[in-house]
């Protein structure tokens, strides 16, 4: 029976260091080498994932998907807010449309807000991320070009609004 005819039975768990190369291979397959020239990669370059907020989807030992979170700061003047940068989120081609990505996003958002972070930022497709509570990020800039319609933020509570320039967490 073909994989796409099977119902997926998967678990969501925290990423572990032994999965790093498999995650990178899945990400490279999904996004190709062009991802390395994007502004989002400048925020991830040389940084370490937030290990208690980065998740994988597994079916046994088969990697179905991954979502990584990275520490970033939003600065305006003397004010600085530490938040998380989501991405990349990647799902194996054979598993798309089966809830893997949704489960990964729910897990990382829940973890980020449980740890006290007040927002999660990403660059992504609004049609996909709006249902999770993301909205267009207003008055937040990245350290390079990005389509402002794809820069999205999810706040932990209504009424929050951060403005400023994003930088790698120091």
N, C-alpha and C. Protein backbone atom coordinates (compact mmCIF):
# COMPACT_ATOMS: atom_id res chain seq x y z
N UNK A 1 0.86 -1.18 0.00
CA UNK A 1 0.00 0.00 0.00
C UNK A 1 0.90 1.24 0.00
N UNK A 2 0.56 2.24 -0.76
CA UNK A 2 1.35 3.47 -0.84
C UNK A 2 1.24 4.25 0.46
N UNK A 3 2.31 4.97 0.78
CA UNK A 3 2.34 5.76 2.01
C UNK A 3 1.18 6.75 2.07
N UNK A 4 0.86 7.38 0.95
CA UNK A 4 -0.19 8.40 1.00
C UNK A 4 -1.57 7.78 1.21
N UNK A 5 -1.71 6.47 1.12
CA UNK A 5 -2.98 5.83 1.38
C UNK A 5 -3.10 5.41 2.85
N UNK A 6 -2.01 5.53 3.59
CA UNK A 6 -2.00 5.15 5.00
C UNK A 6 -2.32 6.35 5.89
N UNK A 7 -3.00 6.08 6.97
CA UNK A 7 -3.20 7.12 7.98
C UNK A 7 -1.91 7.26 8.75
N UNK A 8 -1.51 8.47 8.99
CA UNK A 8 -0.27 8.70 9.74
C UNK A 8 -0.53 8.58 11.23
N UNK A 9 0.36 7.91 11.89
CA UNK A 9 0.34 7.81 13.34
C UNK A 9 1.69 8.34 13.78
N UNK A 10 1.71 9.54 14.36
CA UNK A 10 2.99 10.15 14.68
C UNK A 10 2.97 10.75 16.07
N UNK A 11 4.16 10.98 16.58
CA UNK A 11 4.29 11.64 17.87
C UNK A 11 5.09 12.92 17.69
N UNK A 12 4.79 13.88 18.54
CA UNK A 12 5.52 15.14 18.56
C UNK A 12 6.39 15.13 19.81
N UNK A 13 7.68 15.36 19.63
CA UNK A 13 8.58 15.39 20.78
C UNK A 13 9.67 16.44 20.53
N UNK A 14 10.35 16.79 21.61
CA UNK A 14 11.43 17.76 21.49
C UNK A 14 12.53 17.23 20.58
N UNK A 15 13.11 18.14 19.81
CA UNK A 15 14.25 17.79 18.97
C UNK A 15 15.41 17.37 19.86
N UNK A 16 16.17 16.38 19.41
CA UNK A 16 17.37 15.95 20.11
C UNK A 16 18.56 16.12 19.17
N UNK A 17 19.77 16.34 19.73
CA UNK A 17 20.94 16.59 18.88
C UNK A 17 21.21 15.51 17.83
N UNK A 18 20.87 14.27 18.12
CA UNK A 18 21.13 13.19 17.16
C UNK A 18 20.29 13.31 15.89
N UNK A 19 19.26 14.13 15.90
CA UNK A 19 18.40 14.32 14.73
C UNK A 19 18.86 15.46 13.82
N UNK A 20 19.85 16.21 14.24
CA UNK A 20 20.26 17.42 13.53
C UNK A 20 20.52 17.19 12.04
N UNK A 21 21.33 16.21 11.69
CA UNK A 21 21.66 16.00 10.28
C UNK A 21 20.44 15.56 9.47
N UNK A 22 19.57 14.78 10.06
CA UNK A 22 18.35 14.37 9.36
C UNK A 22 17.42 15.55 9.15
N UNK A 23 17.35 16.44 10.14
CA UNK A 23 16.53 17.64 10.00
C UNK A 23 17.09 18.54 8.90
N UNK A 24 18.40 18.72 8.89
CA UNK A 24 19.02 19.55 7.85
C UNK A 24 18.79 18.96 6.46
N UNK A 25 18.88 17.64 6.33
CA UNK A 25 18.64 17.00 5.03
C UNK A 25 17.20 17.20 4.58
N UNK A 26 16.24 17.05 5.49
CA UNK A 26 14.83 17.26 5.17
C UNK A 26 14.59 18.72 4.78
N UNK A 27 15.21 19.64 5.50
CA UNK A 27 15.06 21.07 5.22
C UNK A 27 15.69 21.42 3.87
N UNK A 28 16.88 20.91 3.60
CA UNK A 28 17.52 21.17 2.31
C UNK A 28 16.67 20.62 1.15
N UNK A 29 16.10 19.45 1.35
CA UNK A 29 15.25 18.87 0.31
C UNK A 29 14.02 19.75 0.07
N UNK A 30 13.42 20.24 1.14
CA UNK A 30 12.19 21.03 1.02
C UNK A 30 12.43 22.43 0.45
N UNK A 31 13.51 23.08 0.87
CA UNK A 31 13.71 24.48 0.52
C UNK A 31 14.85 24.72 -0.46
N UNK A 32 15.73 23.76 -0.63
CA UNK A 32 16.84 23.91 -1.55
C UNK A 32 17.89 24.89 -1.06
N UNK A 33 18.94 25.04 -1.84
CA UNK A 33 20.05 25.91 -1.42
C UNK A 33 19.70 27.39 -1.39
N UNK A 34 18.61 27.79 -2.04
CA UNK A 34 18.21 29.20 -2.07
C UNK A 34 17.86 29.74 -0.70
N UNK A 35 17.56 28.86 0.23
CA UNK A 35 17.19 29.33 1.57
C UNK A 35 18.35 30.02 2.28
N UNK A 36 19.57 29.69 1.90
CA UNK A 36 20.73 30.25 2.59
C UNK A 36 20.98 31.72 2.28
N UNK A 37 20.32 32.25 1.27
CA UNK A 37 20.51 33.67 0.95
C UNK A 37 19.42 34.55 1.56
N UNK A 38 18.46 33.95 2.24
CA UNK A 38 17.35 34.71 2.79
C UNK A 38 17.72 35.38 4.11
N UNK A 39 17.07 36.48 4.38
CA UNK A 39 17.30 37.24 5.60
C UNK A 39 17.08 36.39 6.85
N UNK A 40 16.07 35.52 6.82
CA UNK A 40 15.79 34.67 7.97
C UNK A 40 17.01 33.83 8.34
N UNK A 41 17.76 33.40 7.35
CA UNK A 41 18.96 32.61 7.64
C UNK A 41 20.02 33.42 8.36
N UNK A 42 20.05 34.73 8.14
CA UNK A 42 21.03 35.57 8.86
C UNK A 42 20.75 35.52 10.37
N UNK A 43 19.49 35.39 10.74
CA UNK A 43 19.13 35.33 12.17
C UNK A 43 19.47 33.97 12.78
N UNK A 44 19.50 32.94 11.94
CA UNK A 44 19.79 31.58 12.44
C UNK A 44 21.28 31.26 12.39
N UNK A 45 22.01 31.90 11.49
CA UNK A 45 23.43 31.63 11.28
C UNK A 45 24.22 31.78 12.57
N UNK A 46 24.89 30.73 12.97
CA UNK A 46 25.73 30.78 14.16
C UNK A 46 24.97 30.79 15.47
N UNK A 47 23.65 30.77 15.41
CA UNK A 47 22.84 30.76 16.63
C UNK A 47 22.52 29.32 17.01
N UNK A 48 22.02 29.14 18.20
CA UNK A 48 21.61 27.82 18.67
C UNK A 48 20.09 27.81 18.82
N UNK A 49 19.49 26.69 18.43
CA UNK A 49 18.04 26.58 18.58
C UNK A 49 17.66 26.66 20.05
N UNK A 50 16.42 26.97 20.28
CA UNK A 50 15.87 26.90 21.63
C UNK A 50 15.44 25.44 21.82
N UNK A 51 16.24 24.64 22.52
CA UNK A 51 15.99 23.19 22.56
C UNK A 51 14.69 22.79 23.26
N UNK A 52 14.17 23.65 24.12
CA UNK A 52 12.93 23.32 24.81
C UNK A 52 11.70 23.85 24.07
N UNK A 53 11.92 24.35 22.83
CA UNK A 53 10.81 24.86 22.02
C UNK A 53 10.89 24.39 20.57
N UNK A 54 11.83 23.51 20.26
CA UNK A 54 12.01 23.00 18.89
C UNK A 54 11.59 21.54 18.88
N UNK A 55 10.72 21.19 17.93
CA UNK A 55 10.06 19.88 17.96
C UNK A 55 10.23 19.13 16.65
N UNK A 56 10.06 17.83 16.74
CA UNK A 56 10.03 16.95 15.57
C UNK A 56 8.76 16.11 15.62
N UNK A 57 8.34 15.67 14.45
CA UNK A 57 7.26 14.70 14.33
C UNK A 57 7.91 13.39 13.89
N UNK A 58 7.63 12.33 14.62
CA UNK A 58 8.21 11.02 14.34
C UNK A 58 7.14 9.97 14.20
N UNK A 59 7.36 9.06 13.28
CA UNK A 59 6.58 7.83 13.17
C UNK A 59 7.59 6.72 13.42
N UNK A 60 7.63 6.26 14.66
CA UNK A 60 8.71 5.36 15.06
C UNK A 60 10.00 6.15 15.05
N UNK A 61 10.96 5.72 14.23
CA UNK A 61 12.20 6.51 14.11
C UNK A 61 12.25 7.29 12.79
N UNK A 62 11.15 7.28 12.04
CA UNK A 62 11.09 8.02 10.78
C UNK A 62 10.74 9.48 11.05
N UNK A 63 11.59 10.37 10.58
CA UNK A 63 11.38 11.81 10.74
C UNK A 63 10.35 12.28 9.72
N UNK A 64 9.22 12.80 10.20
CA UNK A 64 8.17 13.30 9.33
C UNK A 64 8.22 14.81 9.17
N UNK A 65 8.73 15.50 10.20
CA UNK A 65 8.76 16.95 10.14
C UNK A 65 9.52 17.55 11.31
N UNK A 66 9.75 18.85 11.19
CA UNK A 66 10.53 19.57 12.21
C UNK A 66 10.10 21.03 12.23
N UNK A 67 10.15 21.60 13.42
CA UNK A 67 10.02 23.05 13.55
C UNK A 67 11.08 23.49 14.55
N UNK A 68 11.81 24.51 14.18
CA UNK A 68 12.87 25.04 15.05
C UNK A 68 12.53 26.46 15.49
N UNK A 69 12.95 26.75 16.70
CA UNK A 69 12.75 28.09 17.27
C UNK A 69 14.12 28.63 17.68
N UNK A 70 14.30 29.92 17.49
CA UNK A 70 15.58 30.59 17.71
C UNK A 70 15.36 31.82 18.57
N UNK A 71 16.30 32.15 19.45
CA UNK A 71 16.15 33.37 20.25
C UNK A 71 16.51 34.60 19.43
N UNK A 72 15.66 35.60 19.49
CA UNK A 72 15.94 36.89 18.85
C UNK A 72 15.50 38.00 19.80
N UNK A 73 16.00 39.19 19.53
CA UNK A 73 15.61 40.37 20.29
C UNK A 73 14.94 41.36 19.35
N UNK A 74 13.95 42.06 19.89
CA UNK A 74 13.34 43.19 19.18
C UNK A 74 13.71 44.42 20.01
N UNK A 75 14.47 45.32 19.38
CA UNK A 75 14.97 46.50 20.10
C UNK A 75 14.42 47.78 19.50
N UNK A 76 14.03 48.68 20.42
CA UNK A 76 13.68 50.04 20.02
C UNK A 76 14.21 50.94 21.12
N UNK A 77 15.24 51.72 20.77
CA UNK A 77 15.89 52.54 21.78
C UNK A 77 16.51 51.65 22.85
N UNK A 78 16.22 51.94 24.10
CA UNK A 78 16.74 51.15 25.21
C UNK A 78 15.89 49.91 25.49
N UNK A 79 14.69 49.87 24.93
CA UNK A 79 13.78 48.74 25.17
C UNK A 79 14.21 47.53 24.35
N UNK A 80 14.19 46.36 24.98
CA UNK A 80 14.54 45.13 24.30
C UNK A 80 13.62 44.01 24.78
N UNK A 81 13.03 43.31 23.84
CA UNK A 81 12.15 42.19 24.16
C UNK A 81 12.72 40.93 23.53
N UNK A 82 13.00 39.93 24.35
CA UNK A 82 13.45 38.63 23.85
C UNK A 82 12.21 37.83 23.42
N UNK A 83 12.21 37.38 22.17
CA UNK A 83 11.12 36.56 21.65
C UNK A 83 11.74 35.38 20.89
N UNK A 84 10.90 34.57 20.27
CA UNK A 84 11.38 33.43 19.49
C UNK A 84 11.10 33.67 18.01
N UNK A 85 12.00 33.16 17.19
CA UNK A 85 11.86 33.22 15.74
C UNK A 85 11.59 31.80 15.27
N UNK A 86 10.44 31.58 14.66
CA UNK A 86 10.01 30.25 14.22
C UNK A 86 10.49 29.99 12.81
N UNK A 87 11.12 28.85 12.64
CA UNK A 87 11.47 28.42 11.29
C UNK A 87 12.87 27.84 11.21
N UNK A 88 13.07 27.07 10.23
CA UNK A 88 12.04 26.67 9.29
C UNK A 88 11.13 25.59 9.88
N UNK A 89 9.93 25.55 9.34
CA UNK A 89 9.05 24.42 9.60
C UNK A 89 9.05 23.60 8.32
N UNK A 90 9.27 22.32 8.46
CA UNK A 90 9.39 21.46 7.29
C UNK A 90 8.68 20.13 7.56
N UNK A 91 7.98 19.65 6.54
CA UNK A 91 7.27 18.37 6.61
C UNK A 91 7.64 17.56 5.38
N UNK A 92 7.91 16.29 5.59
CA UNK A 92 8.22 15.38 4.49
C UNK A 92 7.11 15.47 3.44
N UNK A 93 7.50 15.51 2.17
CA UNK A 93 6.54 15.64 1.07
C UNK A 93 5.39 14.64 1.16
N UNK A 94 5.69 13.41 1.52
CA UNK A 94 4.68 12.35 1.56
C UNK A 94 3.67 12.53 2.69
N UNK A 95 3.95 13.46 3.61
CA UNK A 95 3.09 13.64 4.79
C UNK A 95 2.35 14.97 4.80
N UNK A 96 2.53 15.77 3.79
CA UNK A 96 1.89 17.08 3.77
C UNK A 96 0.38 16.96 3.71
N UNK A 97 -0.28 17.91 4.38
CA UNK A 97 -1.74 17.91 4.39
C UNK A 97 -2.34 16.93 5.38
N UNK A 98 -1.52 16.37 6.26
CA UNK A 98 -2.01 15.35 7.20
C UNK A 98 -1.90 15.78 8.65
N UNK A 99 -1.72 17.10 8.87
CA UNK A 99 -1.72 17.61 10.23
C UNK A 99 -0.39 17.64 10.93
N UNK A 100 0.67 17.21 10.27
CA UNK A 100 2.00 17.19 10.91
C UNK A 100 2.46 18.61 11.20
N UNK A 101 2.40 19.47 10.21
CA UNK A 101 2.84 20.86 10.40
C UNK A 101 2.02 21.57 11.46
N UNK A 102 0.73 21.37 11.44
CA UNK A 102 -0.15 22.01 12.43
C UNK A 102 0.22 21.56 13.84
N UNK A 103 0.45 20.27 14.01
CA UNK A 103 0.81 19.76 15.34
C UNK A 103 2.14 20.34 15.80
N UNK A 104 3.09 20.48 14.89
CA UNK A 104 4.40 21.05 15.24
C UNK A 104 4.26 22.52 15.66
N UNK A 105 3.47 23.28 14.93
CA UNK A 105 3.29 24.69 15.26
C UNK A 105 2.60 24.85 16.60
N UNK A 106 1.56 24.08 16.83
CA UNK A 106 0.88 24.16 18.13
C UNK A 106 1.85 23.84 19.27
N UNK A 107 2.68 22.83 19.08
CA UNK A 107 3.64 22.44 20.13
C UNK A 107 4.63 23.56 20.43
N UNK A 108 5.20 24.18 19.40
CA UNK A 108 6.22 25.20 19.66
C UNK A 108 5.61 26.47 20.23
N UNK A 109 4.40 26.84 19.79
CA UNK A 109 3.76 28.02 20.37
C UNK A 109 3.42 27.79 21.84
N UNK A 110 2.87 26.63 22.13
CA UNK A 110 2.53 26.31 23.52
C UNK A 110 3.79 26.34 24.40
N UNK A 111 4.87 25.78 23.91
CA UNK A 111 6.12 25.76 24.68
C UNK A 111 6.66 27.16 24.88
N UNK A 112 6.66 27.98 23.84
CA UNK A 112 7.19 29.34 23.94
C UNK A 112 6.42 30.16 24.97
N UNK A 113 5.11 30.10 24.91
CA UNK A 113 4.31 30.90 25.83
C UNK A 113 4.36 30.33 27.25
N UNK A 114 4.50 29.02 27.39
CA UNK A 114 4.65 28.42 28.72
C UNK A 114 5.98 28.83 29.36
N UNK A 115 6.99 29.10 28.53
CA UNK A 115 8.30 29.54 29.05
C UNK A 115 8.33 31.04 29.33
N UNK A 116 7.24 31.72 29.06
CA UNK A 116 7.15 33.13 29.39
C UNK A 116 7.47 34.08 28.26
N UNK A 117 7.79 33.56 27.07
CA UNK A 117 8.00 34.46 25.95
C UNK A 117 6.67 35.11 25.59
N UNK A 118 6.74 36.36 25.17
CA UNK A 118 5.50 37.09 24.90
C UNK A 118 5.16 37.18 23.43
N UNK A 119 6.04 36.64 22.55
CA UNK A 119 5.72 36.66 21.12
C UNK A 119 6.61 35.68 20.37
N UNK A 120 6.09 35.26 19.22
CA UNK A 120 6.83 34.42 18.28
C UNK A 120 6.71 35.09 16.92
N UNK A 121 7.84 35.26 16.26
CA UNK A 121 7.90 35.94 14.96
C UNK A 121 8.28 34.91 13.89
N UNK A 122 7.81 35.12 12.67
CA UNK A 122 8.20 34.26 11.55
C UNK A 122 8.06 35.00 10.24
N UNK A 123 8.66 34.43 9.21
CA UNK A 123 8.44 34.86 7.84
C UNK A 123 7.73 33.69 7.17
N UNK A 124 6.49 33.91 6.73
CA UNK A 124 5.74 32.80 6.17
C UNK A 124 4.52 33.25 5.39
N UNK A 125 3.77 32.27 4.96
CA UNK A 125 2.58 32.50 4.15
C UNK A 125 1.40 32.83 5.05
N UNK A 126 0.85 34.03 4.93
CA UNK A 126 -0.26 34.42 5.80
C UNK A 126 -1.43 33.43 5.79
N UNK A 127 -1.79 32.92 4.64
CA UNK A 127 -2.91 32.00 4.56
C UNK A 127 -2.73 30.76 5.42
N UNK A 128 -1.49 30.35 5.62
CA UNK A 128 -1.22 29.18 6.46
C UNK A 128 -1.16 29.56 7.93
N UNK A 129 -0.53 30.68 8.24
CA UNK A 129 -0.25 31.01 9.64
C UNK A 129 -1.33 31.82 10.35
N UNK A 130 -2.19 32.51 9.63
CA UNK A 130 -3.26 33.29 10.28
C UNK A 130 -4.14 32.43 11.20
N UNK A 131 -4.54 31.23 10.80
CA UNK A 131 -5.40 30.43 11.68
C UNK A 131 -4.75 30.04 13.02
N UNK A 132 -3.46 30.14 13.12
CA UNK A 132 -2.77 29.84 14.38
C UNK A 132 -2.70 31.05 15.31
N UNK A 133 -3.20 32.18 14.85
CA UNK A 133 -3.17 33.39 15.67
C UNK A 133 -2.08 34.37 15.28
N UNK A 134 -1.36 34.10 14.21
CA UNK A 134 -0.35 35.05 13.74
C UNK A 134 -1.04 36.20 13.03
N UNK A 135 -0.41 37.34 13.06
CA UNK A 135 -0.90 38.53 12.36
C UNK A 135 0.30 39.23 11.73
N UNK A 136 0.02 40.14 10.83
CA UNK A 136 1.10 40.90 10.21
C UNK A 136 1.85 41.68 11.29
N UNK A 137 3.17 41.58 11.28
CA UNK A 137 4.00 42.31 12.25
C UNK A 137 4.12 43.75 11.78
N UNK A 138 3.69 44.66 12.62
CA UNK A 138 3.73 46.08 12.26
C UNK A 138 4.90 46.73 12.96
N UNK A 139 5.63 47.55 12.22
CA UNK A 139 6.74 48.33 12.78
C UNK A 139 7.84 47.47 13.38
N UNK A 140 8.04 46.28 12.81
CA UNK A 140 9.16 45.42 13.17
C UNK A 140 9.94 45.20 11.89
N UNK A 141 11.26 45.36 11.97
CA UNK A 141 12.10 45.18 10.78
C UNK A 141 13.16 44.12 11.05
N UNK A 142 13.50 43.40 10.01
CA UNK A 142 14.57 42.41 10.07
C UNK A 142 15.85 43.02 9.52
N UNK A 143 16.99 42.39 9.81
CA UNK A 143 18.27 42.93 9.35
C UNK A 143 18.56 42.60 7.89
N UNK A 144 17.62 42.86 7.03
CA UNK A 144 17.76 42.59 5.60
C UNK A 144 16.38 42.59 4.96
N UNK A 145 16.35 42.41 3.66
CA UNK A 145 15.07 42.50 2.96
C UNK A 145 14.15 41.31 3.28
N UNK A 146 12.87 41.63 3.42
CA UNK A 146 11.84 40.61 3.61
C UNK A 146 10.51 41.23 3.17
N UNK A 147 9.66 40.42 2.57
CA UNK A 147 8.35 40.89 2.17
C UNK A 147 7.57 41.22 3.45
N UNK A 148 7.20 42.48 3.66
CA UNK A 148 6.52 42.86 4.90
C UNK A 148 5.19 42.15 5.10
N UNK A 149 4.57 41.67 4.02
CA UNK A 149 3.31 40.94 4.15
C UNK A 149 3.51 39.53 4.69
N UNK A 150 4.76 39.05 4.64
CA UNK A 150 5.07 37.70 5.13
C UNK A 150 5.70 37.71 6.52
N UNK A 151 5.98 38.89 7.06
CA UNK A 151 6.54 39.00 8.41
C UNK A 151 5.36 39.00 9.38
N UNK A 152 5.29 37.93 10.17
CA UNK A 152 4.11 37.71 11.01
C UNK A 152 4.53 37.47 12.45
N UNK A 153 3.63 37.82 13.36
CA UNK A 153 3.90 37.68 14.79
C UNK A 153 2.66 37.13 15.49
N UNK A 154 2.92 36.35 16.52
CA UNK A 154 1.85 35.83 17.38
C UNK A 154 2.20 36.26 18.80
N UNK A 155 1.34 37.06 19.39
CA UNK A 155 1.55 37.53 20.76
C UNK A 155 0.90 36.55 21.75
N UNK A 156 1.47 36.46 22.92
CA UNK A 156 0.96 35.55 23.93
C UNK A 156 -0.37 36.02 24.52
N UNK A 157 -0.63 37.32 24.40
CA UNK A 157 -1.88 37.85 24.94
C UNK A 157 -2.32 39.06 24.13
N UNK A 158 -3.61 39.31 24.10
CA UNK A 158 -4.12 40.46 23.34
C UNK A 158 -3.58 41.77 23.90
N UNK A 159 -3.42 42.73 23.01
CA UNK A 159 -2.99 44.06 23.44
C UNK A 159 -1.49 44.28 23.41
N UNK A 160 -0.71 43.22 23.27
CA UNK A 160 0.74 43.40 23.16
C UNK A 160 1.09 43.89 21.77
N UNK A 161 2.13 44.69 21.68
CA UNK A 161 2.62 45.15 20.39
C UNK A 161 4.06 45.60 20.57
N UNK A 162 4.97 44.90 19.91
CA UNK A 162 6.38 45.29 19.97
C UNK A 162 6.75 45.96 18.65
N UNK A 163 7.63 46.93 18.77
CA UNK A 163 8.16 47.60 17.58
C UNK A 163 9.67 47.67 17.70
N UNK A 164 10.32 47.76 16.55
CA UNK A 164 11.76 47.91 16.58
C UNK A 164 12.44 47.02 15.57
N UNK A 165 13.75 46.90 15.75
CA UNK A 165 14.59 46.14 14.84
C UNK A 165 14.94 44.80 15.46
N UNK A 166 14.83 43.75 14.67
CA UNK A 166 15.16 42.40 15.13
C UNK A 166 16.65 42.17 14.99
N UNK A 167 17.22 41.52 16.00
CA UNK A 167 18.63 41.11 15.93
C UNK A 167 18.77 39.75 16.60
N UNK A 168 19.89 39.11 16.33
CA UNK A 168 20.19 37.85 17.01
C UNK A 168 20.26 38.13 18.50
N UNK A 169 19.84 37.17 19.28
CA UNK A 169 19.93 37.32 20.74
C UNK A 169 21.39 37.30 21.15
N UNK A 170 21.73 38.17 22.07
CA UNK A 170 23.11 38.21 22.57
C UNK A 170 23.18 37.76 24.01
